[in-house]
């Protein structure tokens, strides 16, 4: 699993038949630093079966777990999917984060 922030959306008119009707989002991994969240240079394209929005923090799952979340069995051309939208999180030392950068408690 991976914590990430939705930073964009992908549209595609031509795709594998198993992906028709599946919304695709761009997610950037969440990096917890001493001075707050830092953005990673990496991004992932993930299937979104639950309706996450840009700016929201999410939990991304991979492989078999992703196909299970999508709910279309093993014969689907996807390896990553959003399994949850984060309401909040707290790290060691009491640092906490909200569902988006805009809602983070100030420290």
PDB file of N, CA and C in Angstrom:
ATOM      1  N   UNK A   1       0.837  -1.172   0.000  1.00  0.00           N
ATOM      2  CA  UNK A   1       0.000   0.000   0.000  1.00  0.00           C
ATOM      3  C   UNK A   1       0.885   1.239   0.000  1.00  0.00           C
ATOM      4  N   UNK A   2       0.275   2.329  -0.449  1.00  0.00           N
ATOM      5  CA  UNK A   2       0.994   3.590  -0.548  1.00  0.00           C
ATOM      6  C   UNK A   2       0.034   4.731  -0.224  1.00  0.00           C
ATOM      7  N   UNK A   3       0.514   5.715   0.536  1.00  0.00           N
ATOM      8  CA  UNK A   3      -0.242   6.945   0.752  1.00  0.00           C
ATOM      9  C   UNK A   3       0.128   7.911  -0.348  1.00  0.00           C
ATOM     10  N   UNK A   4      -0.864   8.575  -0.915  1.00  0.00           N
ATOM     11  CA  UNK A   4      -0.571   9.520  -1.983  1.00  0.00           C
ATOM     12  C   UNK A   4      -1.596  10.629  -2.048  1.00  0.00           C
ATOM     13  N   UNK A   5      -1.305  11.604  -2.900  1.00  0.00           N
ATOM     14  CA  UNK A   5      -2.197  12.730  -3.129  1.00  0.00           C
ATOM     15  C   UNK A   5      -2.604  12.736  -4.595  1.00  0.00           C
ATOM     16  N   UNK A   6      -3.892  12.858  -4.871  1.00  0.00           N
ATOM     17  CA  UNK A   6      -4.378  12.922  -6.248  1.00  0.00           C
ATOM     18  C   UNK A   6      -3.970  14.282  -6.821  1.00  0.00           C
ATOM     19  N   UNK A   7      -3.227  14.261  -7.931  1.00  0.00           N
ATOM     20  CA  UNK A   7      -2.745  15.503  -8.538  1.00  0.00           C
ATOM     21  C   UNK A   7      -3.285  15.731  -9.948  1.00  0.00           C
ATOM     22  N   UNK A   8      -4.039  14.771 -10.484  1.00  0.00           N
ATOM     23  CA  UNK A   8      -4.575  14.952 -11.829  1.00  0.00           C
ATOM     24  C   UNK A   8      -5.453  13.807 -12.268  1.00  0.00           C
ATOM     25  N   UNK A   9      -5.950  13.927 -13.477  1.00  0.00           N
ATOM     26  CA  UNK A   9      -6.849  12.929 -14.059  1.00  0.00           C
ATOM     27  C   UNK A   9      -6.349  12.596 -15.458  1.00  0.00           C
ATOM     28  N   UNK A  10      -6.605  11.371 -15.905  1.00  0.00           N
ATOM     29  CA  UNK A  10      -6.189  10.911 -17.235  1.00  0.00           C
ATOM     30  C   UNK A  10      -7.430  10.565 -18.041  1.00  0.00           C
ATOM     31  N   UNK A  11      -7.485  11.033 -19.276  1.00  0.00           N
ATOM     32  CA  UNK A  11      -8.546  10.657 -20.206  1.00  0.00           C
ATOM     33  C   UNK A  11      -7.918   9.881 -21.343  1.00  0.00           C
ATOM     34  N   UNK A  12      -8.607   8.867 -21.823  1.00  0.00           N
ATOM     35  CA  UNK A  12      -8.109   8.058 -22.923  1.00  0.00           C
ATOM     36  C   UNK A  12      -9.292   7.561 -23.756  1.00  0.00           C
ATOM     37  N   UNK A  13      -9.270   7.865 -25.045  1.00  0.00           N
ATOM     38  CA  UNK A  13     -10.361   7.411 -25.900  1.00  0.00           C
ATOM     39  C   UNK A  13     -10.115   6.006 -26.429  1.00  0.00           C
ATOM     40  N   UNK A  14      -8.852   5.597 -26.474  1.00  0.00           N
ATOM     41  CA  UNK A  14      -8.528   4.244 -26.918  1.00  0.00           C
ATOM     42  C   UNK A  14      -7.789   3.535 -25.798  1.00  0.00           C
ATOM     43  N   UNK A  15      -8.342   2.403 -25.371  1.00  0.00           N
ATOM     44  CA  UNK A  15      -7.741   1.651 -24.281  1.00  0.00           C
ATOM     45  C   UNK A  15      -8.170   0.201 -24.359  1.00  0.00           C
ATOM     46  N   UNK A  16      -7.543  -0.627 -23.545  1.00  0.00           N
ATOM     47  CA  UNK A  16      -7.901  -2.021 -23.456  1.00  0.00           C
ATOM     48  C   UNK A  16      -9.366  -2.122 -23.046  1.00  0.00           C
ATOM     49  N   UNK A  17     -10.052  -3.091 -23.635  1.00  0.00           N
ATOM     50  CA  UNK A  17     -11.490  -3.249 -23.383  1.00  0.00           C
ATOM     51  C   UNK A  17     -11.817  -3.439 -21.901  1.00  0.00           C
ATOM     52  N   UNK A  18     -10.890  -4.009 -21.123  1.00  0.00           N
ATOM     53  CA  UNK A  18     -11.158  -4.221 -19.700  1.00  0.00           C
ATOM     54  C   UNK A  18     -11.130  -2.922 -18.905  1.00  0.00           C
ATOM     55  N   UNK A  19     -10.658  -1.833 -19.498  1.00  0.00           N
ATOM     56  CA  UNK A  19     -10.565  -0.549 -18.800  1.00  0.00           C
ATOM     57  C   UNK A  19     -11.701   0.419 -19.135  1.00  0.00           C
ATOM     58  N   UNK A  20     -12.585   0.011 -20.030  1.00  0.00           N
ATOM     59  CA  UNK A  20     -13.709   0.875 -20.407  1.00  0.00           C
ATOM     60  C   UNK A  20     -14.569   1.166 -19.176  1.00  0.00           C
ATOM     61  N   UNK A  21     -14.849   2.437 -18.938  1.00  0.00           N
ATOM     62  CA  UNK A  21     -15.682   2.845 -17.818  1.00  0.00           C
ATOM     63  C   UNK A  21     -14.948   3.012 -16.505  1.00  0.00           C
ATOM     64  N   UNK A  22     -13.637   2.797 -16.500  1.00  0.00           N
ATOM     65  CA  UNK A  22     -12.861   2.950 -15.266  1.00  0.00           C
ATOM     66  C   UNK A  22     -12.146   4.291 -15.285  1.00  0.00           C
ATOM     67  N   UNK A  23     -12.399   5.083 -14.254  1.00  0.00           N
ATOM     68  CA  UNK A  23     -11.781   6.403 -14.118  1.00  0.00           C
ATOM     69  C   UNK A  23     -10.324   6.240 -13.701  1.00  0.00           C
ATOM     70  N   UNK A  24      -9.430   7.017 -14.329  1.00  0.00           N
ATOM     71  CA  UNK A  24      -8.005   6.939 -14.044  1.00  0.00           C
ATOM     72  C   UNK A  24      -7.507   8.282 -13.496  1.00  0.00           C
ATOM     73  N   UNK A  25      -6.764   8.226 -12.398  1.00  0.00           N
ATOM     74  CA  UNK A  25      -6.226   9.422 -11.773  1.00  0.00           C
ATOM     75  C   UNK A  25      -4.707   9.353 -11.678  1.00  0.00           C
ATOM     76  N   UNK A  26      -4.085  10.516 -11.526  1.00  0.00           N
ATOM     77  CA  UNK A  26      -2.643  10.603 -11.324  1.00  0.00           C
ATOM     78  C   UNK A  26      -2.424  10.854  -9.838  1.00  0.00           C
ATOM     79  N   UNK A  27      -1.623  10.006  -9.199  1.00  0.00           N
ATOM     80  CA  UNK A  27      -1.365  10.110  -7.764  1.00  0.00           C
ATOM     81  C   UNK A  27       0.135  10.271  -7.543  1.00  0.00           C
ATOM     82  N   UNK A  28       0.463  11.217  -6.669  1.00  0.00           N
ATOM     83  CA  UNK A  28       1.854  11.459  -6.289  1.00  0.00           C
ATOM     84  C   UNK A  28       2.051  10.895  -4.879  1.00  0.00           C
ATOM     85  N   UNK A  29       3.087  10.059  -4.668  1.00  0.00           N
ATOM     86  CA  UNK A  29       3.304   9.498  -3.330  1.00  0.00           C
ATOM     87  C   UNK A  29       3.478  10.582  -2.273  1.00  0.00           C
ATOM     88  N   UNK A  30       2.953  10.326  -1.079  1.00  0.00           N
ATOM     89  CA  UNK A  30       3.057  11.220   0.068  1.00  0.00           C
ATOM     90  C   UNK A  30       4.412  10.992   0.723  1.00  0.00           C
ATOM     91  N   UNK A  31       5.136  12.073   0.978  1.00  0.00           N
ATOM     92  CA  UNK A  31       6.427  11.985   1.654  1.00  0.00           C
ATOM     93  C   UNK A  31       6.347  12.838   2.910  1.00  0.00           C
ATOM     94  N   UNK A  32       6.501  12.228   4.060  1.00  0.00           N
ATOM     95  CA  UNK A  32       6.447  12.937   5.340  1.00  0.00           C
ATOM     96  C   UNK A  32       7.844  13.422   5.691  1.00  0.00           C
ATOM     97  N   UNK A  33       8.021  14.720   5.821  1.00  0.00           N
ATOM     98  CA  UNK A  33       9.323  15.274   6.182  1.00  0.00           C
ATOM     99  C   UNK A  33       9.201  16.058   7.485  1.00  0.00           C
ATOM    100  N   UNK A  34      10.306  16.473   8.028  1.00  0.00           N
ATOM    101  CA  UNK A  34      10.309  17.245   9.270  1.00  0.00           C
ATOM    102  C   UNK A  34       9.560  18.563   9.118  1.00  0.00           C
ATOM    103  N   UNK A  35       9.591  19.154   7.935  1.00  0.00           N
ATOM    104  CA  UNK A  35       8.960  20.459   7.711  1.00  0.00           C
ATOM    105  C   UNK A  35       7.581  20.361   7.085  1.00  0.00           C
ATOM    106  N   UNK A  36       6.992  19.191   7.081  1.00  0.00           N
ATOM    107  CA  UNK A  36       5.687  19.017   6.449  1.00  0.00           C
ATOM    108  C   UNK A  36       5.779  18.099   5.261  1.00  0.00           C
ATOM    109  N   UNK A  37       4.711  18.023   4.516  1.00  0.00           N
ATOM    110  CA  UNK A  37       4.669  17.137   3.350  1.00  0.00           C
ATOM    111  C   UNK A  37       5.551  17.678   2.243  1.00  0.00           C
ATOM    112  N   UNK A  38       6.343  16.807   1.659  1.00  0.00           N
ATOM    113  CA  UNK A  38       7.098  17.139   0.458  1.00  0.00           C
ATOM    114  C   UNK A  38       6.528  16.314  -0.670  1.00  0.00           C
ATOM    115  N   UNK A  39       6.552  16.847  -1.855  1.00  0.00           N
ATOM    116  CA  UNK A  39       6.045  16.104  -2.997  1.00  0.00           C
ATOM    117  C   UNK A  39       7.153  15.276  -3.617  1.00  0.00           C
ATOM    118  N   UNK A  40       6.807  14.092  -4.024  1.00  0.00           N
ATOM    119  CA  UNK A  40       7.729  13.198  -4.699  1.00  0.00           C
ATOM    120  C   UNK A  40       7.740  13.543  -6.183  1.00  0.00           C
ATOM    121  N   UNK A  41       8.843  13.262  -6.844  1.00  0.00           N
ATOM    122  CA  UNK A  41       8.924  13.479  -8.284  1.00  0.00           C
ATOM    123  C   UNK A  41       8.181  12.385  -9.046  1.00  0.00           C
ATOM    124  N   UNK A  42       7.920  11.267  -8.385  1.00  0.00           N
ATOM    125  CA  UNK A  42       7.245  10.143  -9.031  1.00  0.00           C
ATOM    126  C   UNK A  42       5.732  10.350  -9.056  1.00  0.00           C
ATOM    127  N   UNK A  43       5.096   9.785 -10.067  1.00  0.00           N
ATOM    128  CA  UNK A  43       3.643   9.763 -10.113  1.00  0.00           C
ATOM    129  C   UNK A  43       3.187   8.382 -10.560  1.00  0.00           C
ATOM    130  N   UNK A  44       1.957   8.043 -10.204  1.00  0.00           N
ATOM    131  CA  UNK A  44       1.345   6.781 -10.586  1.00  0.00           C
ATOM    132  C   UNK A  44       0.027   7.063 -11.280  1.00  0.00           C
ATOM    133  N   UNK A  45      -0.322   6.240 -12.244  1.00  0.00           N
ATOM    134  CA  UNK A  45      -1.668   6.278 -12.814  1.00  0.00           C
ATOM    135  C   UNK A  45      -2.428   5.136 -12.154  1.00  0.00           C
ATOM    136  N   UNK A  46      -3.553   5.469 -11.525  1.00  0.00           N
ATOM    137  CA  UNK A  46      -4.311   4.481 -10.753  1.00  0.00           C
ATOM    138  C   UNK A  46      -5.781   4.493 -11.139  1.00  0.00           C
ATOM    139  N   UNK A  47      -6.404   3.335 -11.035  1.00  0.00           N
ATOM    140  CA  UNK A  47      -7.848   3.242 -11.251  1.00  0.00           C
ATOM    141  C   UNK A  47      -8.544   3.791 -10.007  1.00  0.00           C
ATOM    142  N   UNK A  48      -9.677   4.462 -10.220  1.00  0.00           N
ATOM    143  CA  UNK A  48     -10.403   5.066  -9.099  1.00  0.00           C
ATOM    144  C   UNK A  48     -11.855   4.592  -9.077  1.00  0.00           C
ATOM    145  N   UNK A  49     -12.128   3.531  -8.315  1.00  0.00           N
ATOM    146  CA  UNK A  49     -13.502   3.037  -8.242  1.00  0.00           C
ATOM    147  C   UNK A  49     -14.363   3.749  -7.195  1.00  0.00           C
ATOM    148  N   UNK A  50     -13.776   4.676  -6.407  1.00  0.00           N
ATOM    149  CA  UNK A  50     -14.543   5.253  -5.297  1.00  0.00           C
ATOM    150  C   UNK A  50     -14.772   6.759  -5.398  1.00  0.00           C
ATOM    151  N   UNK A  51     -14.252   7.418  -6.412  1.00  0.00           N
ATOM    152  CA  UNK A  51     -14.572   8.826  -6.630  1.00  0.00           C
ATOM    153  C   UNK A  51     -13.706   9.835  -5.904  1.00  0.00           C
ATOM    154  N   UNK A  52     -12.408   9.602  -5.827  1.00  0.00           N
ATOM    155  CA  UNK A  52     -11.500  10.567  -5.202  1.00  0.00           C
ATOM    156  C   UNK A  52     -11.376  11.812  -6.073  1.00  0.00           C
ATOM    157  N   UNK A  53     -11.049  12.926  -5.442  1.00  0.00           N
ATOM    158  CA  UNK A  53     -10.909  14.179  -6.164  1.00  0.00           C
ATOM    159  C   UNK A  53      -9.485  14.703  -6.108  1.00  0.00           C
ATOM    160  N   UNK A  54      -9.183  15.636  -6.982  1.00  0.00           N
ATOM    161  CA  UNK A  54      -7.857  16.243  -7.011  1.00  0.00           C
ATOM    162  C   UNK A  54      -7.604  16.938  -5.675  1.00  0.00           C
ATOM    163  N   UNK A  55      -6.421  16.710  -5.120  1.00  0.00           N
ATOM    164  CA  UNK A  55      -6.035  17.278  -3.838  1.00  0.00           C
ATOM    165  C   UNK A  55      -6.261  16.351  -2.662  1.00  0.00           C
ATOM    166  N   UNK A  56      -7.090  15.320  -2.833  1.00  0.00           N
ATOM    167  CA  UNK A  56      -7.373  14.402  -1.728  1.00  0.00           C
ATOM    168  C   UNK A  56      -6.230  13.406  -1.544  1.00  0.00           C
ATOM    169  N   UNK A  57      -6.030  13.040  -0.291  1.00  0.00           N
ATOM    170  CA  UNK A  57      -5.045  12.006   0.030  1.00  0.00           C
ATOM    171  C   UNK A  57      -5.753  10.659  -0.014  1.00  0.00           C
ATOM    172  N   UNK A  58      -5.053   9.666  -0.570  1.00  0.00           N
ATOM    173  CA  UNK A  58      -5.665   8.360  -0.806  1.00  0.00           C
ATOM    174  C   UNK A  58      -4.710   7.239  -0.429  1.00  0.00           C
ATOM    175  N   UNK A  59      -5.271   6.041  -0.283  1.00  0.00           N
ATOM    176  CA  UNK A  59      -4.479   4.828  -0.119  1.00  0.00           C
ATOM    177  C   UNK A  59      -4.560   4.060  -1.425  1.00  0.00           C
ATOM    178  N   UNK A  60      -3.395   3.756  -1.987  1.00  0.00           N
ATOM    179  CA  UNK A  60      -3.303   3.038  -3.258  1.00  0.00           C
ATOM    180  C   UNK A  60      -2.840   1.609  -2.982  1.00  0.00           C
ATOM    181  N   UNK A  61      -3.497   0.642  -3.609  1.00  0.00           N
ATOM    182  CA  UNK A  61      -3.092  -0.758  -3.501  1.00  0.00           C
ATOM    183  C   UNK A  61      -2.628  -1.250  -4.872  1.00  0.00           C
ATOM    184  N   UNK A  62      -1.877  -2.340  -4.857  1.00  0.00           N
ATOM    185  CA  UNK A  62      -1.228  -2.844  -6.066  1.00  0.00           C
ATOM    186  C   UNK A  62      -1.610  -4.295  -6.353  1.00  0.00           C
ATOM    187  N   UNK A  63      -1.450  -4.701  -7.607  1.00  0.00           N
ATOM    188  CA  UNK A  63      -1.596  -6.091  -8.017  1.00  0.00           C
ATOM    189  C   UNK A  63      -2.968  -6.682  -7.755  1.00  0.00           C
ATOM    190  N   UNK A  64      -2.969  -7.847  -7.112  1.00  0.00           N
ATOM    191  CA  UNK A  64      -4.215  -8.573  -6.858  1.00  0.00           C
ATOM    192  C   UNK A  64      -5.189  -7.749  -6.014  1.00  0.00           C
ATOM    193  N   UNK A  65      -4.643  -7.020  -5.032  1.00  0.00           N
ATOM    194  CA  UNK A  65      -5.493  -6.172  -4.196  1.00  0.00           C
ATOM    195  C   UNK A  65      -6.179  -5.099  -5.040  1.00  0.00           C
ATOM    196  N   UNK A  66      -5.467  -4.538  -6.007  1.00  0.00           N
ATOM    197  CA  UNK A  66      -6.053  -3.513  -6.888  1.00  0.00           C
ATOM    198  C   UNK A  66      -7.173  -4.110  -7.731  1.00  0.00           C
ATOM    199  N   UNK A  67      -6.944  -5.278  -8.280  1.00  0.00           N
ATOM    200  CA  UNK A  67      -7.986  -5.922  -9.091  1.00  0.00           C
ATOM    201  C   UNK A  67      -9.200  -6.278  -8.240  1.00  0.00           C
ATOM    202  N   UNK A  68      -8.975  -6.651  -6.992  1.00  0.00           N
ATOM    203  CA  UNK A  68     -10.082  -6.943  -6.069  1.00  0.00           C
ATOM    204  C   UNK A  68     -10.895  -5.681  -5.795  1.00  0.00           C
ATOM    205  N   UNK A  69     -10.226  -4.563  -5.578  1.00  0.00           N
ATOM    206  CA  UNK A  69     -10.906  -3.291  -5.307  1.00  0.00           C
ATOM    207  C   UNK A  69     -11.759  -2.874  -6.499  1.00  0.00           C
ATOM    208  N   UNK A  70     -11.253  -3.084  -7.714  1.00  0.00           N
ATOM    209  CA  UNK A  70     -12.005  -2.735  -8.920  1.00  0.00           C
ATOM    210  C   UNK A  70     -13.244  -3.623  -9.038  1.00  0.00           C
ATOM    211  N   UNK A  71     -13.134  -4.884  -8.607  1.00  0.00           N
ATOM    212  CA  UNK A  71     -14.284  -5.772  -8.568  1.00  0.00           C
ATOM    213  C   UNK A  71     -14.640  -6.432  -9.882  1.00  0.00           C
ATOM    214  N   UNK A  72     -13.662  -6.534 -10.774  1.00  0.00           N
ATOM    215  CA  UNK A  72     -13.944  -7.179 -12.062  1.00  0.00           C
ATOM    216  C   UNK A  72     -13.110  -8.435 -12.276  1.00  0.00           C
ATOM    217  N   UNK A  73     -12.689  -9.074 -11.211  1.00  0.00           N
ATOM    218  CA  UNK A  73     -11.929 -10.312 -11.326  1.00  0.00           C
ATOM    219  C   UNK A  73     -10.490 -10.083 -11.741  1.00  0.00           C
ATOM    220  N   UNK A  74      -9.834 -11.154 -12.130  1.00  0.00           N
ATOM    221  CA  UNK A  74      -8.406 -11.091 -12.460  1.00  0.00           C
ATOM    222  C   UNK A  74      -8.128 -10.702 -13.895  1.00  0.00           C
ATOM    223  N   UNK A  75      -9.125 -10.747 -14.747  1.00  0.00           N
ATOM    224  CA  UNK A  75      -8.910 -10.459 -16.166  1.00  0.00           C
ATOM    225  C   UNK A  75      -9.130  -8.984 -16.467  1.00  0.00           C
ATOM    226  N   UNK A  76      -8.330  -8.131 -15.826  1.00  0.00           N
ATOM    227  CA  UNK A  76      -8.412  -6.690 -16.049  1.00  0.00           C
ATOM    228  C   UNK A  76      -6.992  -6.140 -16.142  1.00  0.00           C
ATOM    229  N   UNK A  77      -6.797  -5.211 -17.041  1.00  0.00           N
ATOM    230  CA  UNK A  77      -5.467  -4.671 -17.308  1.00  0.00           C
ATOM    231  C   UNK A  77      -5.152  -3.503 -16.372  1.00  0.00           C
ATOM    232  N   UNK A  78      -5.060  -3.795 -15.067  1.00  0.00           N
ATOM    233  CA  UNK A  78      -4.747  -2.743 -14.094  1.00  0.00           C
ATOM    234  C   UNK A  78      -3.912  -3.346 -12.971  1.00  0.00           C
ATOM    235  N   UNK A  79      -2.969  -2.566 -12.460  1.00  0.00           N
ATOM    236  CA  UNK A  79      -2.120  -3.015 -11.356  1.00  0.00           C
ATOM    237  C   UNK A  79      -2.208  -2.113 -10.131  1.00  0.00           C
ATOM    238  N   UNK A  80      -2.862  -0.946 -10.263  1.00  0.00           N
ATOM    239  CA  UNK A  80      -2.958  -0.011  -9.147  1.00  0.00           C
ATOM    240  C   UNK A  80      -4.378   0.542  -9.047  1.00  0.00           C
ATOM    241  N   UNK A  81      -4.861   0.719  -7.812  1.00  0.00           N
ATOM    242  CA  UNK A  81      -6.208   1.256  -7.615  1.00  0.00           C
ATOM    243  C   UNK A  81      -6.293   1.963  -6.269  1.00  0.00           C
ATOM    244  N   UNK A  82      -7.181   2.939  -6.194  1.00  0.00           N
ATOM    245  CA  UNK A  82      -7.443   3.625  -4.936  1.00  0.00           C
ATOM    246  C   UNK A  82      -8.391   2.758  -4.117  1.00  0.00           C
ATOM    247  N   UNK A  83      -7.970   2.455  -2.880  1.00  0.00           N
ATOM    248  CA  UNK A  83      -8.778   1.625  -1.995  1.00  0.00           C
ATOM    249  C   UNK A  83      -9.482   2.442  -0.921  1.00  0.00           C
ATOM    250  N   UNK A  84      -8.993   3.667  -0.656  1.00  0.00           N
ATOM    251  CA  UNK A  84      -9.606   4.487   0.389  1.00  0.00           C
ATOM    252  C   UNK A  84      -9.227   5.948   0.209  1.00  0.00           C
ATOM    253  N   UNK A  85     -10.116   6.831   0.661  1.00  0.00           N
ATOM    254  CA  UNK A  85      -9.812   8.257   0.750  1.00  0.00           C
ATOM    255  C   UNK A  85      -9.511   8.529   2.221  1.00  0.00           C
ATOM    256  N   UNK A  86      -8.379   9.158   2.488  1.00  0.00           N
ATOM    257  CA  UNK A  86      -7.903   9.383   3.854  1.00  0.00           C
ATOM    258  C   UNK A  86      -8.679  10.526   4.509  1.00  0.00           C
ATOM    259  N   UNK A  87      -9.187  10.301   5.712  1.00  0.00           N
ATOM    260  CA  UNK A  87      -9.837  11.355   6.499  1.00  0.00           C
ATOM    261  C   UNK A  87      -8.816  12.107   7.345  1.00  0.00           C
ATOM    262  N   UNK A  88      -7.779  11.421   7.776  1.00  0.00           N
ATOM    263  CA  UNK A  88      -6.732  12.029   8.579  1.00  0.00           C
ATOM    264  C   UNK A  88      -5.678  10.995   8.903  1.00  0.00           C
ATOM    265  N   UNK A  89      -4.507  11.470   9.313  1.00  0.00           N
ATOM    266  CA  UNK A  89      -3.439  10.554   9.711  1.00  0.00           C
ATOM    267  C   UNK A  89      -2.544  11.251  10.718  1.00  0.00           C
ATOM    268  N   UNK A  90      -1.980  10.450  11.621  1.00  0.00           N
ATOM    269  CA  UNK A  90      -1.098  10.976  12.654  1.00  0.00           C
ATOM    270  C   UNK A  90       0.189  10.159  12.662  1.00  0.00           C
ATOM    271  N   UNK A  91       1.305  10.863  12.711  1.00  0.00           N
ATOM    272  CA  UNK A  91       2.610  10.221  12.697  1.00  0.00           C
ATOM    273  C   UNK A  91       3.251  10.295  14.082  1.00  0.00           C
ATOM    274  N   UNK A  92       4.295   9.530  14.255  1.00  0.00           N
ATOM    275  CA  UNK A  92       5.075   9.548  15.485  1.00  0.00           C
ATOM    276  C   UNK A  92       5.463  10.990  15.824  1.00  0.00           C
ATOM    277  N   UNK A  93       5.386  11.331  17.066  1.00  0.00           N
ATOM    278  CA  UNK A  93       5.706  12.687  17.477  1.00  0.00           C
ATOM    279  C   UNK A  93       4.515  13.631  17.443  1.00  0.00           C
ATOM    280  N   UNK A  94       3.332  13.099  17.076  1.00  0.00           N
ATOM    281  CA  UNK A  94       2.126  13.906  17.096  1.00  0.00           C
ATOM    282  C   UNK A  94       1.846  14.712  15.844  1.00  0.00           C
ATOM    283  N   UNK A  95       2.674  14.607  14.812  1.00  0.00           N
ATOM    284  CA  UNK A  95       2.405  15.333  13.571  1.00  0.00           C
ATOM    285  C   UNK A  95       1.191  14.709  12.895  1.00  0.00           C
ATOM    286  N   UNK A  96       0.233  15.553  12.515  1.00  0.00           N
ATOM    287  CA  UNK A  96      -0.974  15.031  11.887  1.00  0.00           C
ATOM    288  C   UNK A  96      -1.249  15.756  10.574  1.00  0.00           C
ATOM    289  N   UNK A  97      -1.981  15.071   9.726  1.00  0.00           N
ATOM    290  CA  UNK A  97      -2.332  15.576   8.410  1.00  0.00           C
ATOM    291  C   UNK A  97      -3.808  15.301   8.175  1.00  0.00           C
ATOM    292  N   UNK A  98      -4.467  16.177   7.436  1.00  0.00           N
ATOM    293  CA  UNK A  98      -5.875  16.017   7.117  1.00  0.00           C
ATOM    294  C   UNK A  98      -6.071  15.316   5.784  1.00  0.00           C
ATOM    295  N   UNK A  99      -7.285  15.352   5.256  1.00  0.00           N
ATOM    296  CA  UNK A  99      -7.587  14.684   3.995  1.00  0.00           C
ATOM    297  C   UNK A  99      -6.970  15.373   2.773  1.00  0.00           C
ATOM    298  N   UNK A 100      -6.501  16.624   2.948  1.00  0.00           N
ATOM    299  CA  UNK A 100      -5.805  17.336   1.872  1.00  0.00           C
ATOM    300  C   UNK A 100      -4.866  18.350   2.515  1.00  0.00           C
ATOM    301  N   UNK A 101      -3.939  18.890   1.747  1.00  0.00           N
ATOM    302  CA  UNK A 101      -3.003  19.870   2.288  1.00  0.00           C
ATOM    303  C   UNK A 101      -3.730  21.091   2.828  1.00  0.00           C
ATOM    304  N   UNK A 102      -4.854  21.444   2.222  1.00  0.00           N
ATOM    305  CA  UNK A 102      -5.626  22.606   2.660  1.00  0.00           C
ATOM    306  C   UNK A 102      -6.233  22.434   4.049  1.00  0.00           C
ATOM    307  N   UNK A 103      -6.414  21.194   4.473  1.00  0.00           N
ATOM    308  CA  UNK A 103      -7.070  20.944   5.750  1.00  0.00           C
ATOM    309  C   UNK A 103      -6.100  20.478   6.842  1.00  0.00           C
ATOM    310  N   UNK A 104      -4.793  20.488   6.563  1.00  0.00           N
ATOM    311  CA  UNK A 104      -3.821  20.066   7.567  1.00  0.00           C
ATOM    312  C   UNK A 104      -3.853  20.987   8.770  1.00  0.00           C
ATOM    313  N   UNK A 105      -3.811  20.424   9.974  1.00  0.00           N
ATOM    314  CA  UNK A 105      -3.708  21.270  11.168  1.00  0.00           C
ATOM    315  C   UNK A 105      -2.365  22.004  11.138  1.00  0.00           C
ATOM    316  N   UNK A 106      -2.330  23.235  11.599  1.00  0.00           N
ATOM    317  CA  UNK A 106      -1.056  23.962  11.621  1.00  0.00           C
ATOM    318  C   UNK A 106      -0.234  23.493  12.810  1.00  0.00           C
ATOM    319  N   UNK A 107       1.071  23.517  12.622  1.00  0.00           N
ATOM    320  CA  UNK A 107       1.984  23.068  13.693  1.00  0.00           C
ATOM    321  C   UNK A 107       2.898  24.186  14.104  1.00  0.00           C
TER     322      UNK A 107
END
